[in-house]
Every structure is written in structure tokens, then in C-alpha cells.
Amino acid sequence: MTAVNKDTTGLEVATVYATEIKGENESASYKEPEETTNLQSLAVVTGPSQGIIGGQTVLDVANFGPKEILLAGRTLVKIQPVIDAIKNGEASTQVTFVPLDLADLLSVRKAAQEISSKVDQLDVLINNAGGK
């Protein structure tokens, strides 16, 4: 497995996990009933605010065409510009905001419950820890 660190760009992360993002791995979450060769995936990205590495990482991940990305962060206001950029782009990726404050264990539990109620399997999880 390729290591990613604080110096890794969003595009580098997306490229490392391109197979999983595109849903080409054998355990991808979504399979179209009539076209099983066109698998789709689900990604969760934490800390995806605009103007920081998380926001750029989400945009780079979206360019690889996952079926859906769940954006987990504290406030929708900071994440909405990233959601808008994805929706205004060429990708057909579905985007959903999930409220999550990693400093609040109750918030973490609620986010985990919300995500697990929506999906059977998660293909890509990218945790961002703030920064600019």
C-alpha cells in the first residue's frame, strides 16, 4: 500500500485509490443490475471544507467518478461550496452532507449511525485533520 502523509496532495490521494473510487475493485458497494462491469463506489471524506486540503481532495476524488460521496464535517456552510463545485462539474457523483464534529463523541456516534443506515459497505474513507 502506498503511504500518504501531510505532504500528499488531494490528487495524489485520489490517484492512489482510483480503483476503489471508480468501483473497479471486486468488493465495490454498488452493482448495476444489468451491467455488472460498471461498478460504482461510495466514499466518505471527513473535513471537506473549501480552501483546505479536504475540500480539494473531495474535488479530486469526484473526478474519478464514485457513485456517491458523503461529506462529513461540522458545518454545512463551510462545505456547501465544495458540494456546489461537484454538482456543477461534469461528474455524476451524488453528494450528501453528514454532520460530524470529531471532538464530540455523540456527534461521531450520530454520524456513524447515519452513514451505516445509508450504506451496506464503504469503499473509500479519507480522514482529513484540518490545516491549510
N, C-alpha and C. Protein backbone atom coordinates (compact mmCIF):
# COMPACT_ATOMS: atom_id res chain seq x y z
N MET A 1 0.84 -1.17 0.00
CA MET A 1 0.00 0.00 0.00
C MET A 1 0.89 1.24 0.00
N THR A 2 0.53 2.21 -0.82
CA THR A 2 1.28 3.45 -0.90
C THR A 2 0.96 4.32 0.31
N ALA A 3 1.98 4.88 0.90
CA ALA A 3 1.79 5.74 2.07
C ALA A 3 1.40 7.14 1.64
N VAL A 4 0.47 7.71 2.36
CA VAL A 4 0.13 9.12 2.18
C VAL A 4 0.45 9.82 3.49
N ASN A 5 0.80 11.09 3.40
CA ASN A 5 1.17 11.83 4.60
C ASN A 5 0.75 13.28 4.46
N LYS A 6 1.23 14.12 5.34
CA LYS A 6 0.81 15.52 5.37
C LYS A 6 1.21 16.28 4.11
N ASP A 7 2.15 15.76 3.35
CA ASP A 7 2.60 16.42 2.14
C ASP A 7 1.93 15.89 0.88
N THR A 8 1.09 14.88 1.01
CA THR A 8 0.41 14.29 -0.13
C THR A 8 -0.73 15.19 -0.58
N THR A 9 -0.83 15.42 -1.88
CA THR A 9 -1.90 16.27 -2.41
C THR A 9 -3.19 15.47 -2.55
N GLY A 10 -4.30 16.18 -2.70
CA GLY A 10 -5.59 15.52 -2.91
C GLY A 10 -5.59 14.68 -4.17
N LEU A 11 -4.97 15.18 -5.23
CA LEU A 11 -4.91 14.41 -6.48
C LEU A 11 -4.09 13.14 -6.31
N GLU A 12 -3.00 13.22 -5.54
CA GLU A 12 -2.20 12.03 -5.29
C GLU A 12 -2.99 10.99 -4.50
N VAL A 13 -3.76 11.44 -3.51
CA VAL A 13 -4.60 10.51 -2.75
C VAL A 13 -5.63 9.86 -3.66
N ALA A 14 -6.30 10.67 -4.47
CA ALA A 14 -7.32 10.14 -5.38
C ALA A 14 -6.71 9.16 -6.37
N THR A 15 -5.51 9.44 -6.83
CA THR A 15 -4.85 8.56 -7.79
C THR A 15 -4.47 7.23 -7.14
N VAL A 16 -3.97 7.28 -5.91
CA VAL A 16 -3.60 6.05 -5.19
C VAL A 16 -4.81 5.13 -5.04
N TYR A 17 -5.98 5.73 -4.77
CA TYR A 17 -7.19 4.93 -4.52
C TYR A 17 -8.16 4.96 -5.70
N ALA A 18 -7.64 5.22 -6.88
CA ALA A 18 -8.50 5.34 -8.07
C ALA A 18 -9.35 4.10 -8.32
N THR A 19 -8.79 2.92 -8.16
CA THR A 19 -9.53 1.68 -8.40
C THR A 19 -10.73 1.59 -7.47
N GLU A 20 -10.52 1.89 -6.19
CA GLU A 20 -11.61 1.83 -5.22
C GLU A 20 -12.63 2.94 -5.49
N ILE A 21 -12.16 4.13 -5.83
CA ILE A 21 -13.05 5.25 -6.08
C ILE A 21 -13.94 4.97 -7.29
N LYS A 22 -13.35 4.41 -8.33
CA LYS A 22 -14.10 4.11 -9.54
C LYS A 22 -15.02 2.90 -9.36
N GLY A 23 -14.82 2.15 -8.28
CA GLY A 23 -15.65 0.97 -8.06
C GLY A 23 -15.19 -0.22 -8.87
N GLU A 24 -13.93 -0.25 -9.22
CA GLU A 24 -13.41 -1.35 -10.03
C GLU A 24 -12.86 -2.48 -9.20
N ASN A 25 -12.84 -2.30 -7.87
CA ASN A 25 -12.38 -3.39 -7.02
C ASN A 25 -13.50 -4.42 -6.89
N GLU A 26 -13.16 -5.64 -6.58
CA GLU A 26 -14.14 -6.72 -6.56
C GLU A 26 -15.20 -6.56 -5.48
N SER A 27 -14.93 -5.78 -4.45
CA SER A 27 -15.89 -5.66 -3.35
C SER A 27 -16.66 -4.34 -3.39
N ALA A 28 -16.76 -3.71 -4.55
CA ALA A 28 -17.45 -2.42 -4.64
C ALA A 28 -18.89 -2.54 -4.16
N SER A 29 -19.39 -1.46 -3.56
CA SER A 29 -20.71 -1.47 -2.94
C SER A 29 -21.86 -1.61 -3.91
N TYR A 30 -21.76 -0.97 -5.03
CA TYR A 30 -22.91 -0.88 -5.93
C TYR A 30 -22.64 -1.66 -7.20
N LYS A 31 -23.62 -2.44 -7.62
CA LYS A 31 -23.54 -3.12 -8.89
C LYS A 31 -24.83 -2.84 -9.65
N GLU A 32 -24.67 -2.33 -10.85
CA GLU A 32 -25.84 -2.10 -11.69
C GLU A 32 -26.41 -3.46 -12.05
N PRO A 33 -27.72 -3.65 -11.94
CA PRO A 33 -28.30 -4.96 -12.19
C PRO A 33 -28.03 -5.51 -13.59
N GLU A 34 -27.99 -4.64 -14.60
CA GLU A 34 -27.83 -5.12 -15.96
C GLU A 34 -26.39 -5.03 -16.45
N GLU A 35 -25.58 -4.23 -15.80
CA GLU A 35 -24.22 -4.04 -16.27
C GLU A 35 -23.24 -4.18 -15.12
N THR A 36 -22.92 -5.40 -14.77
CA THR A 36 -22.06 -5.63 -13.60
C THR A 36 -20.61 -5.20 -13.84
N THR A 37 -20.24 -4.91 -15.09
CA THR A 37 -18.89 -4.44 -15.33
C THR A 37 -18.74 -2.96 -14.98
N ASN A 38 -19.84 -2.25 -14.81
CA ASN A 38 -19.80 -0.83 -14.46
C ASN A 38 -20.11 -0.67 -12.98
N LEU A 39 -19.16 -1.04 -12.14
CA LEU A 39 -19.36 -0.97 -10.70
C LEU A 39 -19.23 0.47 -10.23
N GLN A 40 -19.91 0.79 -9.15
CA GLN A 40 -19.86 2.12 -8.58
C GLN A 40 -19.46 2.03 -7.13
N SER A 41 -18.89 3.09 -6.60
CA SER A 41 -18.39 3.04 -5.24
C SER A 41 -18.96 4.17 -4.39
N LEU A 42 -18.71 4.03 -3.10
CA LEU A 42 -19.12 5.03 -2.12
C LEU A 42 -17.90 5.47 -1.34
N ALA A 43 -17.72 6.78 -1.22
CA ALA A 43 -16.60 7.34 -0.46
C ALA A 43 -17.13 8.24 0.64
N VAL A 44 -16.44 8.22 1.78
CA VAL A 44 -16.71 9.17 2.86
C VAL A 44 -15.44 9.97 3.07
N VAL A 45 -15.59 11.29 3.12
CA VAL A 45 -14.45 12.16 3.34
C VAL A 45 -14.78 13.08 4.51
N THR A 46 -13.92 13.08 5.52
CA THR A 46 -14.11 13.98 6.66
C THR A 46 -13.30 15.25 6.43
N GLY A 47 -13.76 16.35 7.01
CA GLY A 47 -13.04 17.62 6.91
C GLY A 47 -12.96 18.16 5.50
N PRO A 48 -14.07 18.15 4.74
CA PRO A 48 -14.00 18.55 3.33
C PRO A 48 -14.32 20.03 3.08
N SER A 49 -13.91 20.92 3.96
CA SER A 49 -14.22 22.34 3.80
C SER A 49 -13.45 22.96 2.65
N GLN A 50 -14.07 23.96 2.05
CA GLN A 50 -13.43 24.69 0.96
C GLN A 50 -12.18 25.40 1.45
N GLY A 51 -11.16 25.43 0.62
CA GLY A 51 -9.96 26.18 0.94
C GLY A 51 -8.91 25.43 1.72
N ILE A 52 -9.20 24.18 2.10
CA ILE A 52 -8.20 23.36 2.79
C ILE A 52 -8.04 22.05 2.04
N ILE A 53 -7.09 21.25 2.44
CA ILE A 53 -6.76 20.02 1.72
C ILE A 53 -7.96 19.09 1.57
N GLY A 54 -8.83 19.04 2.58
CA GLY A 54 -10.00 18.17 2.50
C GLY A 54 -10.93 18.53 1.36
N GLY A 55 -11.16 19.82 1.18
CA GLY A 55 -12.02 20.27 0.09
C GLY A 55 -11.45 19.92 -1.27
N GLN A 56 -10.15 20.16 -1.44
CA GLN A 56 -9.51 19.82 -2.72
C GLN A 56 -9.48 18.32 -2.94
N THR A 57 -9.27 17.56 -1.89
CA THR A 57 -9.26 16.10 -2.01
C THR A 57 -10.61 15.60 -2.51
N VAL A 58 -11.69 16.15 -1.97
CA VAL A 58 -13.03 15.75 -2.41
C VAL A 58 -13.23 16.04 -3.89
N LEU A 59 -12.79 17.20 -4.33
CA LEU A 59 -12.94 17.55 -5.75
C LEU A 59 -12.14 16.59 -6.62
N ASP A 60 -10.95 16.22 -6.17
CA ASP A 60 -10.14 15.27 -6.93
C ASP A 60 -10.76 13.88 -6.92
N VAL A 61 -11.29 13.46 -5.80
CA VAL A 61 -11.98 12.16 -5.72
C VAL A 61 -13.19 12.15 -6.65
N ALA A 62 -13.97 13.23 -6.65
CA ALA A 62 -15.16 13.30 -7.50
C ALA A 62 -14.81 13.14 -8.98
N ASN A 63 -13.64 13.62 -9.38
CA ASN A 63 -13.23 13.49 -10.78
C ASN A 63 -13.00 12.04 -11.20
N PHE A 64 -12.83 11.14 -10.24
CA PHE A 64 -12.66 9.72 -10.57
C PHE A 64 -14.01 9.00 -10.64
N GLY A 65 -15.11 9.70 -10.38
CA GLY A 65 -16.43 9.17 -10.63
C GLY A 65 -17.04 8.17 -9.67
N PRO A 66 -16.89 8.35 -8.36
CA PRO A 66 -17.63 7.44 -7.47
C PRO A 66 -19.13 7.69 -7.61
N LYS A 67 -19.92 6.69 -7.26
CA LYS A 67 -21.37 6.87 -7.33
C LYS A 67 -21.82 7.93 -6.33
N GLU A 68 -21.26 7.88 -5.12
CA GLU A 68 -21.69 8.82 -4.08
C GLU A 68 -20.52 9.15 -3.16
N ILE A 69 -20.51 10.41 -2.70
CA ILE A 69 -19.55 10.84 -1.69
C ILE A 69 -20.34 11.42 -0.53
N LEU A 70 -20.07 10.94 0.66
CA LEU A 70 -20.65 11.51 1.87
C LEU A 70 -19.59 12.43 2.47
N LEU A 71 -19.95 13.70 2.63
CA LEU A 71 -19.03 14.69 3.16
C LEU A 71 -19.36 14.92 4.63
N ALA A 72 -18.45 14.54 5.50
CA ALA A 72 -18.69 14.62 6.94
C ALA A 72 -17.88 15.77 7.52
N GLY A 73 -18.59 16.74 8.11
CA GLY A 73 -17.92 17.89 8.70
C GLY A 73 -18.83 18.63 9.66
N ARG A 74 -18.26 19.62 10.32
CA ARG A 74 -19.00 20.33 11.36
C ARG A 74 -20.14 21.19 10.84
N THR A 75 -19.87 21.97 9.79
CA THR A 75 -20.90 22.91 9.35
C THR A 75 -21.11 22.84 7.83
N LEU A 76 -22.36 22.80 7.45
CA LEU A 76 -22.70 22.76 6.03
C LEU A 76 -22.23 24.02 5.32
N VAL A 77 -22.26 25.15 5.99
CA VAL A 77 -21.88 26.43 5.37
C VAL A 77 -20.47 26.35 4.78
N LYS A 78 -19.55 25.71 5.51
CA LYS A 78 -18.16 25.61 5.03
C LYS A 78 -18.00 24.56 3.94
N ILE A 79 -18.91 23.62 3.88
CA ILE A 79 -18.80 22.51 2.94
C ILE A 79 -19.65 22.73 1.69
N GLN A 80 -20.67 23.58 1.79
CA GLN A 80 -21.57 23.82 0.67
C GLN A 80 -20.85 24.23 -0.62
N PRO A 81 -19.83 25.11 -0.55
CA PRO A 81 -19.13 25.45 -1.80
C PRO A 81 -18.49 24.24 -2.49
N VAL A 82 -18.03 23.28 -1.72
CA VAL A 82 -17.44 22.06 -2.29
C VAL A 82 -18.55 21.22 -2.93
N ILE A 83 -19.68 21.11 -2.24
CA ILE A 83 -20.83 20.38 -2.80
C ILE A 83 -21.27 21.02 -4.11
N ASP A 84 -21.37 22.34 -4.12
CA ASP A 84 -21.77 23.06 -5.34
C ASP A 84 -20.79 22.83 -6.47
N ALA A 85 -19.49 22.85 -6.16
CA ALA A 85 -18.47 22.63 -7.19
C ALA A 85 -18.60 21.25 -7.81
N ILE A 86 -18.88 20.25 -6.98
CA ILE A 86 -19.04 18.89 -7.50
C ILE A 86 -20.29 18.81 -8.37
N LYS A 87 -21.39 19.38 -7.89
CA LYS A 87 -22.64 19.33 -8.65
C LYS A 87 -22.57 20.12 -9.95
N ASN A 88 -21.75 21.17 -9.98
CA ASN A 88 -21.61 21.98 -11.18
C ASN A 88 -20.57 21.43 -12.14
N GLY A 89 -19.84 20.43 -11.70
CA GLY A 89 -18.82 19.80 -12.55
C GLY A 89 -19.43 18.77 -13.46
N GLU A 90 -18.59 18.03 -14.13
CA GLU A 90 -19.05 17.04 -15.08
C GLU A 90 -19.35 15.69 -14.46
N ALA A 91 -18.91 15.47 -13.24
CA ALA A 91 -19.13 14.18 -12.58
C ALA A 91 -20.61 14.00 -12.24
N SER A 92 -21.09 12.78 -12.30
CA SER A 92 -22.48 12.49 -11.94
C SER A 92 -22.58 11.97 -10.51
N THR A 93 -21.58 12.29 -9.72
CA THR A 93 -21.49 11.82 -8.34
C THR A 93 -22.58 12.46 -7.47
N GLN A 94 -23.26 11.63 -6.69
CA GLN A 94 -24.21 12.13 -5.70
C GLN A 94 -23.41 12.59 -4.48
N VAL A 95 -23.81 13.72 -3.91
CA VAL A 95 -23.09 14.26 -2.76
C VAL A 95 -24.07 14.49 -1.62
N THR A 96 -23.70 14.02 -0.42
CA THR A 96 -24.54 14.17 0.76
C THR A 96 -23.70 14.69 1.92
N PHE A 97 -24.23 15.67 2.63
CA PHE A 97 -23.57 16.20 3.82
C PHE A 97 -24.00 15.40 5.04
N VAL A 98 -23.03 15.03 5.88
CA VAL A 98 -23.29 14.34 7.14
C VAL A 98 -22.66 15.18 8.25
N PRO A 99 -23.47 15.71 9.19
CA PRO A 99 -22.91 16.49 10.29
C PRO A 99 -21.98 15.63 11.15
N LEU A 100 -20.78 16.16 11.43
CA LEU A 100 -19.80 15.41 12.20
C LEU A 100 -18.83 16.38 12.86
N ASP A 101 -18.74 16.30 14.18
CA ASP A 101 -17.73 17.03 14.94
C ASP A 101 -16.89 15.99 15.65
N LEU A 102 -15.66 15.79 15.19
CA LEU A 102 -14.82 14.73 15.74
C LEU A 102 -14.42 14.97 17.19
N ALA A 103 -14.62 16.18 17.70
CA ALA A 103 -14.32 16.47 19.10
C ALA A 103 -15.49 16.12 20.03
N ASP A 104 -16.60 15.68 19.44
CA ASP A 104 -17.82 15.37 20.20
C ASP A 104 -18.22 13.92 19.91
N LEU A 105 -18.03 13.04 20.90
CA LEU A 105 -18.30 11.61 20.67
C LEU A 105 -19.76 11.33 20.32
N LEU A 106 -20.68 12.11 20.86
CA LEU A 106 -22.09 11.93 20.49
C LEU A 106 -22.29 12.24 19.00
N SER A 107 -21.64 13.29 18.52
CA SER A 107 -21.70 13.63 17.10
C SER A 107 -21.10 12.53 16.25
N VAL A 108 -20.00 11.95 16.70
CA VAL A 108 -19.36 10.85 15.97
C VAL A 108 -20.31 9.66 15.89
N ARG A 109 -20.95 9.33 17.00
CA ARG A 109 -21.89 8.20 17.00
C ARG A 109 -23.07 8.46 16.06
N LYS A 110 -23.61 9.68 16.10
CA LYS A 110 -24.74 10.01 15.21
C LYS A 110 -24.33 9.92 13.75
N ALA A 111 -23.16 10.43 13.43
CA ALA A 111 -22.69 10.36 12.05
C ALA A 111 -22.49 8.91 11.62
N ALA A 112 -21.90 8.11 12.48
CA ALA A 112 -21.69 6.69 12.17
C ALA A 112 -23.03 5.98 11.94
N GLN A 113 -24.01 6.29 12.77
CA GLN A 113 -25.34 5.68 12.60
C GLN A 113 -25.97 6.12 11.29
N GLU A 114 -25.84 7.41 10.98
CA GLU A 114 -26.42 7.92 9.73
C GLU A 114 -25.77 7.26 8.52
N ILE A 115 -24.47 7.18 8.53
CA ILE A 115 -23.76 6.56 7.40
C ILE A 115 -24.10 5.08 7.30
N SER A 116 -24.08 4.36 8.41
CA SER A 116 -24.36 2.92 8.35
C SER A 116 -25.81 2.63 7.98
N SER A 117 -26.72 3.57 8.25
CA SER A 117 -28.12 3.36 7.85
C SER A 117 -28.32 3.57 6.35
N LYS A 118 -27.37 4.26 5.71
CA LYS A 118 -27.50 4.55 4.28
C LYS A 118 -26.77 3.55 3.40
N VAL A 119 -25.75 2.89 3.93
CA VAL A 119 -24.92 2.03 3.09
C VAL A 119 -24.64 0.69 3.75
N ASP A 120 -24.41 -0.30 2.90
CA ASP A 120 -24.02 -1.63 3.39
C ASP A 120 -22.50 -1.74 3.48
N GLN A 121 -21.81 -1.04 2.59
CA GLN A 121 -20.35 -1.16 2.53
C GLN A 121 -19.75 0.17 2.11
N LEU A 122 -18.65 0.50 2.72
CA LEU A 122 -17.91 1.72 2.41
C LEU A 122 -16.66 1.31 1.65
N ASP A 123 -16.42 1.94 0.49
CA ASP A 123 -15.28 1.57 -0.34
C ASP A 123 -14.04 2.42 -0.06
N VAL A 124 -14.25 3.70 0.24
CA VAL A 124 -13.13 4.62 0.47
C VAL A 124 -13.46 5.51 1.65
N LEU A 125 -12.52 5.62 2.60
CA LEU A 125 -12.64 6.55 3.73
C LEU A 125 -11.39 7.39 3.76
N ILE A 126 -11.57 8.70 3.65
CA ILE A 126 -10.44 9.63 3.72
C ILE A 126 -10.69 10.57 4.88
N ASN A 127 -9.82 10.50 5.88
CA ASN A 127 -9.92 11.35 7.07
C ASN A 127 -8.92 12.49 6.94
N ASN A 128 -9.44 13.71 6.93
CA ASN A 128 -8.61 14.90 6.90
C ASN A 128 -8.62 15.53 8.28
N ALA A 129 -7.50 16.08 8.68
CA ALA A 129 -7.40 16.67 10.01
C ALA A 129 -7.05 18.15 9.90
N GLY A 130 -7.96 18.92 9.32
CA GLY A 130 -7.78 20.36 9.26
C GLY A 130 -6.52 20.79 8.56
N GLY A 131 -6.13 22.01 8.81
CA GLY A 131 -4.93 22.56 8.19
C GLY A 131 -5.25 23.32 6.94
N LYS A 132 -4.27 24.03 6.45
CA LYS A 132 -4.46 24.82 5.21
C LYS A 132 -3.47 24.44 4.17
